[in-house]
């Protein structure tokens, strides 16, 4: 009698076409996982894509993404949902672009994190992993990038709430937020060509960390905020507290 085929291992990457998202798609694909990307642009390396339609209305976007993911997965559950969507915007509360920056940061960081969290309540396996994208800067005041700091602080609070009892997540699952300083992306290198790249976190380090956590290796407790600190080319994970 032939051995039973192992259940497919599946992951959703929200923001799967960005620099970190693409690296996560590639890393999990290299491990023979089924990977779906959720983004406004298709990732051709993913097994499936959910294309997010731009909207000025939160509930309109939530309904579209939630419906499309439900159609894609059906009754199938996923091992992990990695929310790596986000962006950056500078400026004080006095800046002419302040309102626009708030809107942009809210859509890129808070909307995506909230949608990922709800998707986890519907489609994540028991014992699964949800990751959210915070920022070390969001642990303190950010007067020179108010909208960014406000949005990231909201993500941190969401993660802490998801780690509590009766948060709605499946049994034994974990919500963990990563709080990097600067990720080593092509866009960051282009905008800061004279920076000390040895203090920037390689994308592969984050993708590998996610894979380890998904497999249960060194996974932090649910609700954890994990700083990603890189010094002289060496990266480490350090717990943070609100």
Protein backbone atom coordinates (compact mmCIF):
# COMPACT_ATOMS: atom_id res chain seq x y z
CA UNK A 1 0.00 0.00 0.00
CA UNK A 2 1.41 3.38 -1.02
CA UNK A 3 2.31 5.79 1.74
CA UNK A 4 -0.17 8.58 2.33
CA UNK A 5 0.72 11.85 0.66
CA UNK A 6 1.58 14.53 3.20
CA UNK A 7 -0.81 17.46 3.45
CA UNK A 8 0.33 20.42 1.36
CA UNK A 9 2.02 23.22 3.26
CA UNK A 10 0.56 26.60 2.36
CA UNK A 11 1.32 30.23 3.05
CA UNK A 12 -0.29 33.55 2.12
CA UNK A 13 2.04 36.53 1.65
CA UNK A 14 0.24 39.87 1.91
CA UNK A 15 2.44 42.32 0.04
CA UNK A 16 3.92 39.47 -1.97
CA UNK A 17 5.19 41.65 -4.81
CA UNK A 18 7.25 44.03 -2.67
CA UNK A 19 10.93 43.52 -1.92
CA UNK A 20 10.44 41.57 1.32
CA UNK A 21 7.29 39.87 0.07
CA UNK A 22 9.03 38.63 -3.07
CA UNK A 23 11.88 37.27 -0.98
CA UNK A 24 9.38 35.42 1.23
CA UNK A 25 7.63 33.97 -1.82
CA UNK A 26 10.96 32.76 -3.20
CA UNK A 27 12.12 31.33 0.14
CA UNK A 28 8.99 29.30 0.78
CA UNK A 29 8.77 28.17 -2.85
CA UNK A 30 12.34 26.88 -2.58
CA UNK A 31 11.11 24.72 0.31
CA UNK A 32 8.37 23.26 -1.94
CA UNK A 33 5.54 25.14 -0.26
CA UNK A 34 2.41 26.37 -2.02
CA UNK A 35 2.50 30.17 -1.91
CA UNK A 36 -0.18 32.73 -2.73
CA UNK A 37 0.59 36.43 -3.08
CA UNK A 38 -1.85 39.19 -2.14
CA UNK A 39 -0.85 42.51 -3.67
CA UNK A 40 -1.86 45.17 -6.15
CA UNK A 41 0.60 43.68 -8.65
CA UNK A 42 0.98 40.04 -9.66
CA UNK A 43 3.96 38.01 -8.45
CA UNK A 44 4.56 35.56 -11.28
CA UNK A 45 6.66 33.30 -9.05
CA UNK A 46 3.73 32.62 -6.72
CA UNK A 47 1.40 29.66 -7.21
CA UNK A 48 -1.63 31.94 -7.01
CA UNK A 49 -2.33 35.65 -6.86
CA UNK A 50 -5.02 37.81 -5.30
CA UNK A 51 -4.90 41.22 -6.96
CA UNK A 52 -5.98 43.95 -4.55
CA UNK A 53 -8.03 46.72 -6.12
CA UNK A 54 -7.20 50.27 -5.04
CA UNK A 55 -9.97 51.85 -3.00
CA UNK A 56 -10.56 54.85 -0.78
CA UNK A 57 -12.97 52.81 1.32
CA UNK A 58 -11.65 50.33 3.85
CA UNK A 59 -14.72 48.08 3.88
CA UNK A 60 -14.73 47.94 0.09
CA UNK A 61 -11.17 46.64 0.03
CA UNK A 62 -11.76 44.24 2.93
CA UNK A 63 -14.77 42.74 1.19
CA UNK A 64 -12.88 42.27 -2.07
CA UNK A 65 -9.81 40.65 -0.55
CA UNK A 66 -11.76 38.49 1.91
CA UNK A 67 -14.08 37.24 -0.83
CA UNK A 68 -11.26 36.50 -3.27
CA UNK A 69 -9.18 34.64 -0.67
CA UNK A 70 -12.24 32.62 0.31
CA UNK A 71 -12.79 31.62 -3.31
CA UNK A 72 -9.13 30.69 -3.71
CA UNK A 73 -8.81 28.56 -0.58
CA UNK A 74 -12.29 27.15 -0.12
CA UNK A 75 -12.10 24.84 2.87
CA UNK A 76 -8.31 24.60 2.76
CA UNK A 77 -6.34 26.10 5.63
CA UNK A 78 -2.89 27.70 5.50
CA UNK A 79 0.08 27.27 7.81
CA UNK A 80 0.99 30.94 7.84
CA UNK A 81 -0.15 34.39 6.77
CA UNK A 82 2.78 36.77 6.40
CA UNK A 83 1.75 40.42 6.23
CA UNK A 84 4.77 42.29 4.90
CA UNK A 85 2.93 45.13 3.19
CA UNK A 86 3.85 48.65 4.16
CA UNK A 87 5.69 51.79 3.19
CA UNK A 88 7.30 54.94 4.55
CA UNK A 89 6.41 58.60 4.60
CA UNK A 90 8.18 61.44 6.36
CA UNK A 91 6.99 64.77 7.67
CA UNK A 92 5.78 66.45 10.84
CA UNK A 93 2.18 67.23 11.73
CA UNK A 94 2.76 70.69 10.19
CA UNK A 95 3.72 69.33 6.77
CA UNK A 96 1.44 70.20 3.84
CA UNK A 97 1.42 66.50 2.96
CA UNK A 98 0.47 65.39 6.49
CA UNK A 99 -3.10 64.33 5.72
CA UNK A 100 -1.99 62.55 2.54
CA UNK A 101 0.78 60.78 4.47
CA UNK A 102 -1.66 59.63 7.14
CA UNK A 103 -4.01 58.24 4.49
CA UNK A 104 -1.16 56.46 2.70
CA UNK A 105 0.34 54.95 5.86
CA UNK A 106 -3.06 53.86 7.15
CA UNK A 107 -3.84 52.07 3.90
CA UNK A 108 -0.42 50.46 3.50
CA UNK A 109 0.14 49.32 7.10
CA UNK A 110 -3.08 49.33 9.11
CA UNK A 111 -5.54 48.21 6.44
CA UNK A 112 -3.32 45.34 5.36
CA UNK A 113 -2.64 44.24 8.94
CA UNK A 114 -6.31 44.31 9.86
CA UNK A 115 -7.30 42.33 6.77
CA UNK A 116 -4.54 39.78 7.40
CA UNK A 117 -5.72 39.39 10.98
CA UNK A 118 -9.28 38.67 9.93
CA UNK A 119 -8.11 36.27 7.24
CA UNK A 120 -6.19 34.42 9.94
CA UNK A 121 -9.38 33.88 11.94
CA UNK A 122 -10.96 32.26 8.87
CA UNK A 123 -8.17 30.44 7.07
CA UNK A 124 -5.24 29.80 9.42
CA UNK A 125 -4.67 26.28 10.74
CA UNK A 126 -4.68 25.55 14.44
CA UNK A 127 -1.13 26.22 15.56
CA UNK A 128 -0.50 28.47 12.56
CA UNK A 129 1.44 31.74 12.33
CA UNK A 130 0.42 35.31 11.52
CA UNK A 131 3.17 37.89 11.14
CA UNK A 132 2.66 41.64 11.02
CA UNK A 133 5.05 44.39 9.92
CA UNK A 134 5.80 46.88 12.68
CA UNK A 135 8.86 49.08 13.10
CA UNK A 136 11.33 49.76 15.90
CA UNK A 137 10.76 53.47 15.38
CA UNK A 138 7.11 53.00 16.33
CA UNK A 139 8.08 52.16 19.91
CA UNK A 140 8.82 55.85 20.54
CA UNK A 141 7.79 59.25 19.26
CA UNK A 142 8.48 59.96 15.59
CA UNK A 143 8.11 63.75 15.17
CA UNK A 144 9.85 63.72 11.79
CA UNK A 145 7.61 60.98 10.40
CA UNK A 146 4.40 61.27 12.38
CA UNK A 147 2.09 59.36 10.05
CA UNK A 148 4.52 56.46 9.74
CA UNK A 149 5.03 56.16 13.49
CA UNK A 150 1.30 56.38 14.19
CA UNK A 151 0.52 53.61 11.74
CA UNK A 152 3.27 51.30 12.99
CA UNK A 153 2.26 51.86 16.61
CA UNK A 154 -1.25 50.79 15.62
CA UNK A 155 0.15 47.57 14.17
CA UNK A 156 2.00 46.90 17.43
CA UNK A 157 -1.19 47.34 19.43
CA UNK A 158 -3.08 45.06 17.05
CA UNK A 159 -0.46 42.35 17.53
CA UNK A 160 -0.67 42.63 21.32
CA UNK A 161 -4.46 42.35 21.13
CA UNK A 162 -4.26 39.27 18.91
CA UNK A 163 -2.00 37.64 21.49
CA UNK A 164 -4.65 37.90 24.18
CA UNK A 165 -7.41 35.46 25.08
CA UNK A 166 -10.51 35.40 22.88
CA UNK A 167 -8.79 37.35 20.10
CA UNK A 168 -10.43 35.16 17.48
CA UNK A 169 -7.27 33.43 16.25
CA UNK A 170 -7.30 29.62 15.89
CA UNK A 171 -6.24 27.47 18.81
CA UNK A 172 -2.50 27.33 19.38
CA UNK A 173 -1.73 29.91 16.69
CA UNK A 174 0.53 32.91 17.17
CA UNK A 175 0.55 36.52 16.02
CA UNK A 176 4.04 38.04 15.98
CA UNK A 177 5.13 41.47 14.74
CA UNK A 178 8.64 42.16 13.49
CA UNK A 179 10.10 45.58 14.24
CA UNK A 180 13.04 46.20 11.91
CA UNK A 181 15.12 49.37 11.72
CA UNK A 182 16.07 49.43 8.02
CA UNK A 183 15.65 46.56 5.57
CA UNK A 184 18.24 46.13 2.85
CA UNK A 185 16.04 46.70 -0.19
CA UNK A 186 16.91 48.06 -3.65
CA UNK A 187 14.68 51.09 -3.03
CA UNK A 188 16.41 51.91 0.25
CA UNK A 189 19.84 51.60 -1.36
CA UNK A 190 18.78 53.88 -4.18
CA UNK A 191 17.42 56.53 -1.80
CA UNK A 192 20.31 56.29 0.71
CA UNK A 193 23.39 55.34 -1.35
CA UNK A 194 25.88 56.56 1.27
CA UNK A 195 24.34 54.77 4.26
CA UNK A 196 26.06 52.08 6.31
CA UNK A 197 24.57 48.98 4.70
CA UNK A 198 26.15 46.76 7.36
CA UNK A 199 23.47 48.03 9.76
CA UNK A 200 20.63 47.10 7.40
CA UNK A 201 18.83 43.77 7.78
CA UNK A 202 19.08 41.40 4.79
CA UNK A 203 15.72 40.31 3.41
CA UNK A 204 16.84 36.68 3.45
CA UNK A 205 17.32 36.85 7.23
CA UNK A 206 13.70 37.91 7.68
CA UNK A 207 12.37 35.31 5.23
CA UNK A 208 14.33 32.54 6.95
CA UNK A 209 13.10 33.73 10.34
CA UNK A 210 9.50 33.54 9.12
CA UNK A 211 10.07 30.05 7.77
CA UNK A 212 11.57 28.87 11.06
CA UNK A 213 8.69 30.36 13.04
CA UNK A 214 6.15 28.79 10.70
CA UNK A 215 7.76 25.42 11.33
CA UNK A 216 7.68 26.04 15.10
CA UNK A 217 11.42 26.69 15.48
CA UNK A 218 12.18 29.41 18.06
CA UNK A 219 8.71 30.88 17.55
CA UNK A 220 7.99 33.71 20.04
CA UNK A 221 4.80 33.69 22.13
CA UNK A 222 1.69 35.12 20.51
CA UNK A 223 1.51 38.89 20.83
CA UNK A 224 5.27 39.33 20.76
CA UNK A 225 6.93 42.39 19.27
CA UNK A 226 10.32 41.33 17.93
CA UNK A 227 12.94 43.94 17.09
CA UNK A 228 15.24 43.03 14.21
CA UNK A 229 18.62 44.62 14.91
CA UNK A 230 21.59 44.40 12.54
CA UNK A 231 25.07 45.51 13.54
CA UNK A 232 28.22 45.03 11.46
CA UNK A 233 26.35 42.63 9.19
CA UNK A 234 25.06 40.41 12.01
CA UNK A 235 21.31 40.33 12.67
CA UNK A 236 19.58 39.39 15.91
CA UNK A 237 16.05 39.24 17.29
CA UNK A 238 15.24 41.15 20.50
CA UNK A 239 11.87 41.27 22.24
CA UNK A 240 10.29 44.68 22.76
CA UNK A 241 7.58 45.76 25.18
CA UNK A 242 4.99 48.51 24.95
